[in-house]
């Protein structure tokens, strides 16, 4: 069962399979995403013209998350004008590269600049 279908929808309650939950539950910087969901979030942020600033990976096992210091990607251009597609593509590449070793990811993005949510 996907988290988005469960009765309890708390951004701190486990690993999420649906990228929509990231936006619906304000998962920025806190929500654990499966590798496919993390990749989809990066793609959705690109459509919204929002840059991924950081990706943190680790292990989700037995209802616990172990963050890994050897699995952190920081955007080189997070605080400056940049190419969103290129930057977010690099974040996706990082997730793909780390997926064999890590099964959960946290995405941090500059959602203050999200034109899709500010237009709503």
PDB file of N, CA and C in Angstrom:
ATOM      1  N   UNK A   1       0.840  -1.186   0.000  1.00  0.00           N
ATOM      2  CA  UNK A   1       0.000   0.000   0.000  1.00  0.00           C
ATOM      3  C   UNK A   1       0.879   1.241   0.000  1.00  0.00           C
ATOM      4  N   UNK A   2       0.593   2.147  -0.917  1.00  0.00           N
ATOM      5  CA  UNK A   2       1.324   3.418  -0.952  1.00  0.00           C
ATOM      6  C   UNK A   2       0.880   4.288   0.211  1.00  0.00           C
ATOM      7  N   UNK A   3       1.796   5.122   0.717  1.00  0.00           N
ATOM      8  CA  UNK A   3       1.441   6.020   1.805  1.00  0.00           C
ATOM      9  C   UNK A   3       0.282   6.917   1.433  1.00  0.00           C
ATOM     10  N   UNK A   4       0.219   7.374   0.196  1.00  0.00           N
ATOM     11  CA  UNK A   4      -0.831   8.304  -0.184  1.00  0.00           C
ATOM     12  C   UNK A   4      -2.206   7.656  -0.116  1.00  0.00           C
ATOM     13  N   UNK A   5      -2.268   6.320  -0.028  1.00  0.00           N
ATOM     14  CA  UNK A   5      -3.538   5.625   0.087  1.00  0.00           C
ATOM     15  C   UNK A   5      -3.851   5.236   1.528  1.00  0.00           C
ATOM     16  N   UNK A   6      -2.921   5.418   2.420  1.00  0.00           N
ATOM     17  CA  UNK A   6      -3.140   5.000   3.798  1.00  0.00           C
ATOM     18  C   UNK A   6      -3.960   6.035   4.558  1.00  0.00           C
ATOM     19  N   UNK A   7      -4.476   5.616   5.707  1.00  0.00           N
ATOM     20  CA  UNK A   7      -5.295   6.521   6.516  1.00  0.00           C
ATOM     21  C   UNK A   7      -4.450   7.595   7.180  1.00  0.00           C
ATOM     22  N   UNK A   8      -3.241   7.246   7.595  1.00  0.00           N
ATOM     23  CA  UNK A   8      -2.361   8.196   8.254  1.00  0.00           C
ATOM     24  C   UNK A   8      -1.417   8.783   7.207  1.00  0.00           C
ATOM     25  N   UNK A   9      -1.474  10.094   7.038  1.00  0.00           N
ATOM     26  CA  UNK A   9      -0.610  10.743   6.051  1.00  0.00           C
ATOM     27  C   UNK A   9       0.228  11.787   6.778  1.00  0.00           C
ATOM     28  N   UNK A  10       1.340  11.346   7.306  1.00  0.00           N
ATOM     29  CA  UNK A  10       2.257  12.206   8.039  1.00  0.00           C
ATOM     30  C   UNK A  10       3.605  12.160   7.332  1.00  0.00           C
ATOM     31  N   UNK A  11       4.150  13.332   7.001  1.00  0.00           N
ATOM     32  CA  UNK A  11       5.397  13.373   6.240  1.00  0.00           C
ATOM     33  C   UNK A  11       6.580  12.765   6.986  1.00  0.00           C
ATOM     34  N   UNK A  12       6.412  12.434   8.255  1.00  0.00           N
ATOM     35  CA  UNK A  12       7.484  11.841   9.050  1.00  0.00           C
ATOM     36  C   UNK A  12       7.240  10.353   9.318  1.00  0.00           C
ATOM     37  N   UNK A  13       6.255   9.747   8.657  1.00  0.00           N
ATOM     38  CA  UNK A  13       5.809   8.411   9.053  1.00  0.00           C
ATOM     39  C   UNK A  13       6.394   7.252   8.260  1.00  0.00           C
ATOM     40  N   UNK A  14       7.402   7.464   7.486  1.00  0.00           N
ATOM     41  CA  UNK A  14       7.994   6.351   6.758  1.00  0.00           C
ATOM     42  C   UNK A  14       8.494   6.787   5.406  1.00  0.00           C
ATOM     43  N   UNK A  15       8.650   5.811   4.523  1.00  0.00           N
ATOM     44  CA  UNK A  15       9.152   6.104   3.188  1.00  0.00           C
ATOM     45  C   UNK A  15       7.962   6.235   2.232  1.00  0.00           C
ATOM     46  N   UNK A  16       7.995   7.239   1.394  1.00  0.00           N
ATOM     47  CA  UNK A  16       6.889   7.537   0.491  1.00  0.00           C
ATOM     48  C   UNK A  16       7.222   7.099  -0.926  1.00  0.00           C
ATOM     49  N   UNK A  17       6.242   6.517  -1.586  1.00  0.00           N
ATOM     50  CA  UNK A  17       6.384   6.031  -2.952  1.00  0.00           C
ATOM     51  C   UNK A  17       5.802   7.013  -3.968  1.00  0.00           C
ATOM     52  N   UNK A  18       4.944   7.913  -3.533  1.00  0.00           N
ATOM     53  CA  UNK A  18       4.284   8.839  -4.452  1.00  0.00           C
ATOM     54  C   UNK A  18       4.955  10.210  -4.416  1.00  0.00           C
ATOM     55  N   UNK A  19       5.398  10.726  -5.563  1.00  0.00           N
ATOM     56  CA  UNK A  19       5.990  12.064  -5.571  1.00  0.00           C
ATOM     57  C   UNK A  19       4.979  13.151  -5.230  1.00  0.00           C
ATOM     58  N   UNK A  20       3.700  12.893  -5.468  1.00  0.00           N
ATOM     59  CA  UNK A  20       2.665  13.886  -5.139  1.00  0.00           C
ATOM     60  C   UNK A  20       2.640  14.196  -3.651  1.00  0.00           C
ATOM     61  N   UNK A  21       2.956  13.197  -2.819  1.00  0.00           N
ATOM     62  CA  UNK A  21       2.964  13.406  -1.369  1.00  0.00           C
ATOM     63  C   UNK A  21       3.984  14.463  -0.959  1.00  0.00           C
ATOM     64  N   UNK A  22       5.084  14.545  -1.683  1.00  0.00           N
ATOM     65  CA  UNK A  22       6.120  15.535  -1.382  1.00  0.00           C
ATOM     66  C   UNK A  22       5.528  16.946  -1.404  1.00  0.00           C
ATOM     67  N   UNK A  23       4.681  17.219  -2.378  1.00  0.00           N
ATOM     68  CA  UNK A  23       4.087  18.542  -2.519  1.00  0.00           C
ATOM     69  C   UNK A  23       2.848  18.705  -1.638  1.00  0.00           C
ATOM     70  N   UNK A  24       2.011  17.675  -1.553  1.00  0.00           N
ATOM     71  CA  UNK A  24       0.783  17.756  -0.776  1.00  0.00           C
ATOM     72  C   UNK A  24       1.029  17.850   0.724  1.00  0.00           C
ATOM     73  N   UNK A  25       2.090  17.201   1.195  1.00  0.00           N
ATOM     74  CA  UNK A  25       2.363  17.147   2.633  1.00  0.00           C
ATOM     75  C   UNK A  25       3.554  18.004   3.044  1.00  0.00           C
ATOM     76  N   UNK A  26       4.013  18.879   2.156  1.00  0.00           N
ATOM     77  CA  UNK A  26       5.152  19.755   2.430  1.00  0.00           C
ATOM     78  C   UNK A  26       6.357  18.942   2.904  1.00  0.00           C
ATOM     79  N   UNK A  27       6.781  18.021   2.033  1.00  0.00           N
ATOM     80  CA  UNK A  27       7.869  17.117   2.389  1.00  0.00           C
ATOM     81  C   UNK A  27       9.260  17.667   2.172  1.00  0.00           C
ATOM     82  N   UNK A  28       9.380  18.914   1.753  1.00  0.00           N
ATOM     83  CA  UNK A  28      10.690  19.513   1.479  1.00  0.00           C
ATOM     84  C   UNK A  28      11.608  19.396   2.692  1.00  0.00           C
ATOM     85  N   UNK A  29      12.755  18.805   2.500  1.00  0.00           N
ATOM     86  CA  UNK A  29      13.820  18.680   3.511  1.00  0.00           C
ATOM     87  C   UNK A  29      13.541  17.678   4.619  1.00  0.00           C
ATOM     88  N   UNK A  30      12.396  17.018   4.608  1.00  0.00           N
ATOM     89  CA  UNK A  30      12.089  16.105   5.713  1.00  0.00           C
ATOM     90  C   UNK A  30      11.550  14.750   5.284  1.00  0.00           C
ATOM     91  N   UNK A  31      10.936  14.653   4.129  1.00  0.00           N
ATOM     92  CA  UNK A  31      10.238  13.430   3.736  1.00  0.00           C
ATOM     93  C   UNK A  31      11.186  12.411   3.112  1.00  0.00           C
ATOM     94  N   UNK A  32      11.071  11.164   3.560  1.00  0.00           N
ATOM     95  CA  UNK A  32      11.844  10.069   2.979  1.00  0.00           C
ATOM     96  C   UNK A  32      11.118   9.570   1.738  1.00  0.00           C
ATOM     97  N   UNK A  33      11.838   9.561   0.623  1.00  0.00           N
ATOM     98  CA  UNK A  33      11.265   9.144  -0.653  1.00  0.00           C
ATOM     99  C   UNK A  33      11.987   7.913  -1.173  1.00  0.00           C
ATOM    100  N   UNK A  34      11.232   7.015  -1.792  1.00  0.00           N
ATOM    101  CA  UNK A  34      11.848   5.889  -2.481  1.00  0.00           C
ATOM    102  C   UNK A  34      12.640   6.446  -3.657  1.00  0.00           C
ATOM    103  N   UNK A  35      13.594   5.689  -4.195  1.00  0.00           N
ATOM    104  CA  UNK A  35      14.343   6.196  -5.352  1.00  0.00           C
ATOM    105  C   UNK A  35      13.453   6.633  -6.521  1.00  0.00           C
ATOM    106  N   UNK A  36      12.435   5.843  -6.941  1.00  0.00           N
ATOM    107  CA  UNK A  36      11.600   6.325  -8.045  1.00  0.00           C
ATOM    108  C   UNK A  36      10.831   7.603  -7.700  1.00  0.00           C
ATOM    109  N   UNK A  37      10.360   7.707  -6.458  1.00  0.00           N
ATOM    110  CA  UNK A  37       9.645   8.920  -6.045  1.00  0.00           C
ATOM    111  C   UNK A  37      10.587  10.115  -6.006  1.00  0.00           C
ATOM    112  N   UNK A  38      11.809   9.929  -5.530  1.00  0.00           N
ATOM    113  CA  UNK A  38      12.785  11.027  -5.474  1.00  0.00           C
ATOM    114  C   UNK A  38      13.117  11.518  -6.878  1.00  0.00           C
ATOM    115  N   UNK A  39      13.288  10.598  -7.810  1.00  0.00           N
ATOM    116  CA  UNK A  39      13.558  10.985  -9.201  1.00  0.00           C
ATOM    117  C   UNK A  39      12.373  11.745  -9.770  1.00  0.00           C
ATOM    118  N   UNK A  40      11.164  11.264  -9.505  1.00  0.00           N
ATOM    119  CA  UNK A  40       9.967  11.942 -10.009  1.00  0.00           C
ATOM    120  C   UNK A  40       9.812  13.334  -9.400  1.00  0.00           C
ATOM    121  N   UNK A  41      10.149  13.494  -8.119  1.00  0.00           N
ATOM    122  CA  UNK A  41      10.088  14.820  -7.491  1.00  0.00           C
ATOM    123  C   UNK A  41      11.051  15.774  -8.193  1.00  0.00           C
ATOM    124  N   UNK A  42      12.266  15.316  -8.486  1.00  0.00           N
ATOM    125  CA  UNK A  42      13.232  16.162  -9.195  1.00  0.00           C
ATOM    126  C   UNK A  42      12.686  16.576 -10.566  1.00  0.00           C
ATOM    127  N   UNK A  43      12.055  15.637 -11.259  1.00  0.00           N
ATOM    128  CA  UNK A  43      11.467  15.948 -12.564  1.00  0.00           C
ATOM    129  C   UNK A  43      10.328  16.952 -12.432  1.00  0.00           C
ATOM    130  N   UNK A  44       9.485  16.768 -11.424  1.00  0.00           N
ATOM    131  CA  UNK A  44       8.361  17.680 -11.205  1.00  0.00           C
ATOM    132  C   UNK A  44       8.857  19.073 -10.809  1.00  0.00           C
ATOM    133  N   UNK A  45       9.930  19.140 -10.046  1.00  0.00           N
ATOM    134  CA  UNK A  45      10.507  20.437  -9.685  1.00  0.00           C
ATOM    135  C   UNK A  45      11.023  21.145 -10.933  1.00  0.00           C
ATOM    136  N   UNK A  46      11.594  20.400 -11.868  1.00  0.00           N
ATOM    137  CA  UNK A  46      12.075  20.998 -13.113  1.00  0.00           C
ATOM    138  C   UNK A  46      10.926  21.643 -13.883  1.00  0.00           C
ATOM    139  N   UNK A  47       9.788  20.961 -13.951  1.00  0.00           N
ATOM    140  CA  UNK A  47       8.615  21.505 -14.635  1.00  0.00           C
ATOM    141  C   UNK A  47       8.157  22.795 -13.959  1.00  0.00           C
ATOM    142  N   UNK A  48       8.301  22.857 -12.641  1.00  0.00           N
ATOM    143  CA  UNK A  48       7.911  24.048 -11.876  1.00  0.00           C
ATOM    144  C   UNK A  48       9.004  25.117 -11.872  1.00  0.00           C
ATOM    145  N   UNK A  49      10.121  24.835 -12.543  1.00  0.00           N
ATOM    146  CA  UNK A  49      11.256  25.756 -12.614  1.00  0.00           C
ATOM    147  C   UNK A  49      11.871  26.012 -11.232  1.00  0.00           C
ATOM    148  N   UNK A  50      11.960  24.931 -10.449  1.00  0.00           N
ATOM    149  CA  UNK A  50      12.521  24.989  -9.100  1.00  0.00           C
ATOM    150  C   UNK A  50      13.760  24.111  -9.052  1.00  0.00           C
ATOM    151  N   UNK A  51      14.833  24.648  -8.498  1.00  0.00           N
ATOM    152  CA  UNK A  51      16.106  23.944  -8.417  1.00  0.00           C
ATOM    153  C   UNK A  51      16.182  23.043  -7.190  1.00  0.00           C
ATOM    154  N   UNK A  52      16.686  21.829  -7.406  1.00  0.00           N
ATOM    155  CA  UNK A  52      17.016  20.943  -6.288  1.00  0.00           C
ATOM    156  C   UNK A  52      18.312  21.467  -5.681  1.00  0.00           C
ATOM    157  N   UNK A  53      18.305  21.690  -4.390  1.00  0.00           N
ATOM    158  CA  UNK A  53      19.492  22.203  -3.720  1.00  0.00           C
ATOM    159  C   UNK A  53      20.338  21.131  -3.074  1.00  0.00           C
ATOM    160  N   UNK A  54      19.668  20.071  -2.599  1.00  0.00           N
ATOM    161  CA  UNK A  54      20.395  19.009  -1.903  1.00  0.00           C
ATOM    162  C   UNK A  54      19.611  17.709  -2.007  1.00  0.00           C
ATOM    163  N   UNK A  55      20.358  16.625  -2.107  1.00  0.00           N
ATOM    164  CA  UNK A  55      19.803  15.280  -2.018  1.00  0.00           C
ATOM    165  C   UNK A  55      20.598  14.550  -0.946  1.00  0.00           C
ATOM    166  N   UNK A  56      19.875  13.963   0.005  1.00  0.00           N
ATOM    167  CA  UNK A  56      20.512  13.183   1.066  1.00  0.00           C
ATOM    168  C   UNK A  56      19.974  11.759   0.997  1.00  0.00           C
ATOM    169  N   UNK A  57      20.866  10.810   1.018  1.00  0.00           N
ATOM    170  CA  UNK A  57      20.448   9.419   0.934  1.00  0.00           C
ATOM    171  C   UNK A  57      20.793   8.636   2.175  1.00  0.00           C
ATOM    172  N   UNK A  58      20.164   7.485   2.279  1.00  0.00           N
ATOM    173  CA  UNK A  58      20.429   6.616   3.408  1.00  0.00           C
ATOM    174  C   UNK A  58      19.650   5.332   3.292  1.00  0.00           C
ATOM    175  N   UNK A  59      19.491   4.662   4.434  1.00  0.00           N
ATOM    176  CA  UNK A  59      18.831   3.371   4.478  1.00  0.00           C
ATOM    177  C   UNK A  59      17.551   3.460   5.290  1.00  0.00           C
ATOM    178  N   UNK A  60      16.477   2.942   4.737  1.00  0.00           N
ATOM    179  CA  UNK A  60      15.220   2.780   5.468  1.00  0.00           C
ATOM    180  C   UNK A  60      15.068   1.293   5.750  1.00  0.00           C
ATOM    181  N   UNK A  61      15.013   0.936   7.030  1.00  0.00           N
ATOM    182  CA  UNK A  61      14.876  -0.461   7.410  1.00  0.00           C
ATOM    183  C   UNK A  61      14.254  -0.553   8.794  1.00  0.00           C
ATOM    184  N   UNK A  62      13.313  -1.449   8.945  1.00  0.00           N
ATOM    185  CA  UNK A  62      12.693  -1.698  10.244  1.00  0.00           C
ATOM    186  C   UNK A  62      12.160  -0.408  10.877  1.00  0.00           C
ATOM    187  N   UNK A  63      11.479   0.399  10.059  1.00  0.00           N
ATOM    188  CA  UNK A  63      10.841   1.651  10.511  1.00  0.00           C
ATOM    189  C   UNK A  63      11.833   2.694  11.027  1.00  0.00           C
ATOM    190  N   UNK A  64      13.078   2.611  10.576  1.00  0.00           N
ATOM    191  CA  UNK A  64      14.084   3.596  10.980  1.00  0.00           C
ATOM    192  C   UNK A  64      14.881   4.035   9.760  1.00  0.00           C
ATOM    193  N   UNK A  65      15.322   5.289   9.795  1.00  0.00           N
ATOM    194  CA  UNK A  65      16.146   5.830   8.721  1.00  0.00           C
ATOM    195  C   UNK A  65      17.545   6.086   9.236  1.00  0.00           C
ATOM    196  N   UNK A  66      18.527   5.578   8.501  1.00  0.00           N
ATOM    197  CA  UNK A  66      19.926   5.850   8.816  1.00  0.00           C
ATOM    198  C   UNK A  66      20.487   6.742   7.720  1.00  0.00           C
ATOM    199  N   UNK A  67      20.698   8.007   8.048  1.00  0.00           N
ATOM    200  CA  UNK A  67      21.293   8.948   7.093  1.00  0.00           C
ATOM    201  C   UNK A  67      22.758   8.593   6.908  1.00  0.00           C
ATOM    202  N   UNK A  68      23.249   8.819   5.702  1.00  0.00           N
ATOM    203  CA  UNK A  68      24.637   8.494   5.390  1.00  0.00           C
ATOM    204  C   UNK A  68      25.389   9.754   4.982  1.00  0.00           C
ATOM    205  N   UNK A  69      26.469  10.040   5.676  1.00  0.00           N
ATOM    206  CA  UNK A  69      27.286  11.205   5.337  1.00  0.00           C
ATOM    207  C   UNK A  69      27.991  11.043   3.997  1.00  0.00           C
ATOM    208  N   UNK A  70      28.130   9.795   3.542  1.00  0.00           N
ATOM    209  CA  UNK A  70      28.772   9.560   2.251  1.00  0.00           C
ATOM    210  C   UNK A  70      27.761   9.582   1.097  1.00  0.00           C
ATOM    211  N   UNK A  71      26.534  10.027   1.375  1.00  0.00           N
ATOM    212  CA  UNK A  71      25.490  10.065   0.351  1.00  0.00           C
ATOM    213  C   UNK A  71      24.758  11.406   0.386  1.00  0.00           C
ATOM    214  N   UNK A  72      25.516  12.470   0.159  1.00  0.00           N
ATOM    215  CA  UNK A  72      24.948  13.823   0.116  1.00  0.00           C
ATOM    216  C   UNK A  72      25.406  14.491  -1.175  1.00  0.00           C
ATOM    217  N   UNK A  73      24.448  15.052  -1.881  1.00  0.00           N
ATOM    218  CA  UNK A  73      24.750  15.816  -3.107  1.00  0.00           C
ATOM    219  C   UNK A  73      24.238  17.229  -2.907  1.00  0.00           C
ATOM    220  N   UNK A  74      25.118  18.204  -3.088  1.00  0.00           N
ATOM    221  CA  UNK A  74      24.744  19.610  -3.022  1.00  0.00           C
ATOM    222  C   UNK A  74      24.869  20.228  -4.400  1.00  0.00           C
ATOM    223  N   UNK A  75      23.856  20.989  -4.780  1.00  0.00           N
ATOM    224  CA  UNK A  75      23.899  21.687  -6.062  1.00  0.00           C
ATOM    225  C   UNK A  75      25.018  22.712  -6.031  1.00  0.00           C
ATOM    226  N   UNK A  76      25.863  22.725  -7.041  1.00  0.00           N
ATOM    227  CA  UNK A  76      26.942  23.720  -7.056  1.00  0.00           C
ATOM    228  C   UNK A  76      26.424  25.128  -7.286  1.00  0.00           C
ATOM    229  N   UNK A  77      25.204  25.247  -7.769  1.00  0.00           N
ATOM    230  CA  UNK A  77      24.683  26.575  -8.106  1.00  0.00           C
ATOM    231  C   UNK A  77      23.366  26.875  -7.394  1.00  0.00           C
ATOM    232  N   UNK A  78      23.151  26.259  -6.242  1.00  0.00           N
ATOM    233  CA  UNK A  78      21.875  26.376  -5.537  1.00  0.00           C
ATOM    234  C   UNK A  78      21.487  27.821  -5.226  1.00  0.00           C
ATOM    235  N   UNK A  79      22.436  28.634  -4.858  1.00  0.00           N
ATOM    236  CA  UNK A  79      22.107  29.990  -4.437  1.00  0.00           C
ATOM    237  C   UNK A  79      22.348  31.040  -5.517  1.00  0.00           C
ATOM    238  N   UNK A  80      22.554  30.611  -6.738  1.00  0.00           N
ATOM    239  CA  UNK A  80      22.767  31.567  -7.817  1.00  0.00           C
ATOM    240  C   UNK A  80      21.867  31.221  -8.995  1.00  0.00           C
ATOM    241  N   UNK A  81      21.822  32.110  -9.961  1.00  0.00           N
ATOM    242  CA  UNK A  81      21.050  31.850 -11.171  1.00  0.00           C
ATOM    243  C   UNK A  81      21.673  30.643 -11.874  1.00  0.00           C
ATOM    244  N   UNK A  82      20.858  29.683 -12.276  1.00  0.00           N
ATOM    245  CA  UNK A  82      21.403  28.468 -12.866  1.00  0.00           C
ATOM    246  C   UNK A  82      20.425  27.852 -13.842  1.00  0.00           C
ATOM    247  N   UNK A  83      20.853  26.811 -14.483  1.00  0.00           N
ATOM    248  CA  UNK A  83      20.038  26.029 -15.389  1.00  0.00           C
ATOM    249  C   UNK A  83      19.324  24.952 -14.571  1.00  0.00           C
ATOM    250  N   UNK A  84      18.036  25.130 -14.356  1.00  0.00           N
ATOM    251  CA  UNK A  84      17.265  24.215 -13.517  1.00  0.00           C
ATOM    252  C   UNK A  84      17.311  22.793 -14.070  1.00  0.00           C
ATOM    253  N   UNK A  85      17.114  22.629 -15.370  1.00  0.00           N
ATOM    254  CA  UNK A  85      17.114  21.285 -15.954  1.00  0.00           C
ATOM    255  C   UNK A  85      18.448  20.577 -15.772  1.00  0.00           C
ATOM    256  N   UNK A  86      19.538  21.308 -15.978  1.00  0.00           N
ATOM    257  CA  UNK A  86      20.864  20.705 -15.812  1.00  0.00           C
ATOM    258  C   UNK A  86      21.116  20.335 -14.351  1.00  0.00           C
ATOM    259  N   UNK A  87      20.809  21.257 -13.455  1.00  0.00           N
ATOM    260  CA  UNK A  87      21.039  21.003 -12.028  1.00  0.00           C
ATOM    261  C   UNK A  87      20.190  19.834 -11.541  1.00  0.00           C
ATOM    262  N   UNK A  88      18.907  19.846 -11.873  1.00  0.00           N
ATOM    263  CA  UNK A  88      18.029  18.777 -11.410  1.00  0.00           C
ATOM    264  C   UNK A  88      18.376  17.451 -12.091  1.00  0.00           C
ATOM    265  N   UNK A  89      18.877  17.521 -13.318  1.00  0.00           N
ATOM    266  CA  UNK A  89      19.363  16.315 -13.988  1.00  0.00           C
ATOM    267  C   UNK A  89      20.542  15.702 -13.250  1.00  0.00           C
ATOM    268  N   UNK A  90      21.410  16.552 -12.737  1.00  0.00           N
ATOM    269  CA  UNK A  90      22.546  16.052 -11.949  1.00  0.00           C
ATOM    270  C   UNK A  90      22.062  15.412 -10.647  1.00  0.00           C
ATOM    271  N   UNK A  91      21.026  15.998 -10.045  1.00  0.00           N
ATOM    272  CA  UNK A  91      20.451  15.400  -8.830  1.00  0.00           C
ATOM    273  C   UNK A  91      19.885  14.019  -9.137  1.00  0.00           C
ATOM    274  N   UNK A  92      19.189  13.895 -10.269  1.00  0.00           N
ATOM    275  CA  UNK A  92      18.646  12.603 -10.678  1.00  0.00           C
ATOM    276  C   UNK A  92      19.775  11.604 -10.919  1.00  0.00           C
ATOM    277  N   UNK A  93      20.826  12.033 -11.602  1.00  0.00           N
ATOM    278  CA  UNK A  93      21.979  11.153 -11.839  1.00  0.00           C
ATOM    279  C   UNK A  93      22.562  10.653 -10.523  1.00  0.00           C
ATOM    280  N   UNK A  94      22.641  11.534  -9.530  1.00  0.00           N
ATOM    281  CA  UNK A  94      23.157  11.153  -8.215  1.00  0.00           C
ATOM    282  C   UNK A  94      22.270  10.074  -7.586  1.00  0.00           C
ATOM    283  N   UNK A  95      20.962  10.272  -7.633  1.00  0.00           N
ATOM    284  CA  UNK A  95      20.032   9.296  -7.059  1.00  0.00           C
ATOM    285  C   UNK A  95      20.184   7.947  -7.757  1.00  0.00           C
ATOM    286  N   UNK A  96      20.247   7.962  -9.084  1.00  0.00           N
ATOM    287  CA  UNK A  96      20.399   6.721  -9.853  1.00  0.00           C
ATOM    288  C   UNK A  96      21.701   6.016  -9.470  1.00  0.00           C
ATOM    289  N   UNK A  97      22.785   6.771  -9.346  1.00  0.00           N
ATOM    290  CA  UNK A  97      24.085   6.201  -8.995  1.00  0.00           C
ATOM    291  C   UNK A  97      24.082   5.602  -7.593  1.00  0.00           C
ATOM    292  N   UNK A  98      23.383   6.256  -6.660  1.00  0.00           N
ATOM    293  CA  UNK A  98      23.386   5.817  -5.263  1.00  0.00           C
ATOM    294  C   UNK A  98      22.332   4.763  -4.939  1.00  0.00           C
ATOM    295  N   UNK A  99      21.367   4.562  -5.834  1.00  0.00           N
ATOM    296  CA  UNK A  99      20.268   3.641  -5.546  1.00  0.00           C
ATOM    297  C   UNK A  99      20.712   2.215  -5.233  1.00  0.00           C
ATOM    298  N   UNK A 100      21.726   1.671  -5.854  1.00  0.00           N
ATOM    299  CA  UNK A 100      22.101   0.310  -5.448  1.00  0.00           C
ATOM    300  C   UNK A 100      22.524   0.205  -3.977  1.00  0.00           C
ATOM    301  N   UNK A 101      23.033   1.284  -3.417  1.00  0.00           N
ATOM    302  CA  UNK A 101      23.531   1.267  -2.045  1.00  0.00           C
ATOM    303  C   UNK A 101      22.572   1.902  -1.039  1.00  0.00           C
ATOM    304  N   UNK A 102      21.646   2.737  -1.505  1.00  0.00           N
ATOM    305  CA  UNK A 102      20.748   3.474  -0.604  1.00  0.00           C
ATOM    306  C   UNK A 102      19.315   3.363  -1.111  1.00  0.00           C
ATOM    307  N   UNK A 103      18.352   3.254  -0.189  1.00  0.00           N
ATOM    308  CA  UNK A 103      16.973   3.034  -0.610  1.00  0.00           C
ATOM    309  C   UNK A 103      16.003   4.140  -0.208  1.00  0.00           C
ATOM    310  N   UNK A 104      16.514   5.226   0.342  1.00  0.00           N
ATOM    311  CA  UNK A 104      15.655   6.347   0.726  1.00  0.00           C
ATOM    312  C   UNK A 104      16.415   7.654   0.528  1.00  0.00           C
ATOM    313  N   UNK A 105      15.668   8.670   0.088  1.00  0.00           N
ATOM    314  CA  UNK A 105      16.288   9.964  -0.207  1.00  0.00           C
ATOM    315  C   UNK A 105      15.425  11.107   0.314  1.00  0.00           C
ATOM    316  N   UNK A 106      16.093  12.168   0.734  1.00  0.00           N
ATOM    317  CA  UNK A 106      15.439  13.406   1.157  1.00  0.00           C
ATOM    318  C   UNK A 106      15.840  14.476   0.150  1.00  0.00           C
ATOM    319  N   UNK A 107      14.846  15.192  -0.378  1.00  0.00           N
ATOM    320  CA  UNK A 107      15.082  16.247  -1.360  1.00  0.00           C
ATOM    321  C   UNK A 107      14.862  17.599  -0.687  1.00  0.00           C
ATOM    322  N   UNK A 108      15.790  18.517  -0.902  1.00  0.00           N
ATOM    323  CA  UNK A 108      15.637  19.900  -0.453  1.00  0.00           C
ATOM    324  C   UNK A 108      15.646  20.783  -1.684  1.00  0.00           C
ATOM    325  N   UNK A 109      14.631  21.638  -1.782  1.00  0.00           N
ATOM    326  CA  UNK A 109      14.501  22.518  -2.949  1.00  0.00           C
ATOM    327  C   UNK A 109      14.053  23.901  -2.505  1.00  0.00           C
ATOM    328  N   UNK A 110      14.273  24.871  -3.361  1.00  0.00           N
ATOM    329  CA  UNK A 110      13.888  26.253  -3.085  1.00  0.00           C
ATOM    330  C   UNK A 110      12.421  26.451  -3.472  1.00  0.00           C
ATOM    331  N   UNK A 111      11.515  25.936  -2.652  1.00  0.00           N
ATOM    332  CA  UNK A 111      10.088  26.017  -2.967  1.00  0.00           C
ATOM    333  C   UNK A 111       9.516  27.416  -2.810  1.00  0.00           C
ATOM    334  N   UNK A 112      10.273  28.323  -2.237  1.00  0.00           N
ATOM    335  CA  UNK A 112       9.849  29.729  -2.158  1.00  0.00           C
ATOM    336  C   UNK A 112       9.656  30.298  -3.563  1.00  0.00           C
ATOM    337  N   UNK A 113      10.426  29.787  -4.506  1.00  0.00           N
ATOM    338  CA  UNK A 113      10.360  30.290  -5.881  1.00  0.00           C
ATOM    339  C   UNK A 113       9.415  29.484  -6.762  1.00  0.00           C
ATOM    340  N   UNK A 114       8.655  28.571  -6.167  1.00  0.00           N
ATOM    341  CA  UNK A 114       7.767  27.679  -6.923  1.00  0.00           C
ATOM    342  C   UNK A 114       6.585  28.456  -7.475  1.00  0.00           C
ATOM    343  N   UNK A 115       6.619  28.733  -8.775  1.00  0.00           N
ATOM    344  CA  UNK A 115       5.552  29.495  -9.407  1.00  0.00           C
ATOM    345  C   UNK A 115       4.247  28.700  -9.471  1.00  0.00           C
ATOM    346  N   UNK A 116       4.311  27.378  -9.519  1.00  0.00           N
ATOM    347  CA  UNK A 116       3.110  26.557  -9.596  1.00  0.00           C
ATOM    348  C   UNK A 116       2.306  26.646  -8.295  1.00  0.00           C
ATOM    349  N   UNK A 117       2.984  26.623  -7.148  1.00  0.00           N
ATOM    350  CA  UNK A 117       2.244  26.684  -5.893  1.00  0.00           C
ATOM    351  C   UNK A 117       1.864  28.108  -5.522  1.00  0.00           C
ATOM    352  N   UNK A 118       2.648  29.094  -5.933  1.00  0.00           N
ATOM    353  CA  UNK A 118       2.290  30.477  -5.599  1.00  0.00           C
ATOM    354  C   UNK A 118       1.155  30.988  -6.463  1.00  0.00           C
ATOM    355  N   UNK A 119       0.926  30.330  -7.630  1.00  0.00           N
ATOM    356  CA  UNK A 119      -0.182  30.733  -8.484  1.00  0.00           C
ATOM    357  C   UNK A 119      -1.498  30.151  -8.002  1.00  0.00           C
ATOM    358  N   UNK A 120      -1.434  29.136  -7.157  1.00  0.00           N
ATOM    359  CA  UNK A 120      -2.652  28.464  -6.668  1.00  0.00           C
ATOM    360  C   UNK A 120      -3.347  29.247  -5.598  1.00  0.00           C
TER     361      UNK A 120
END
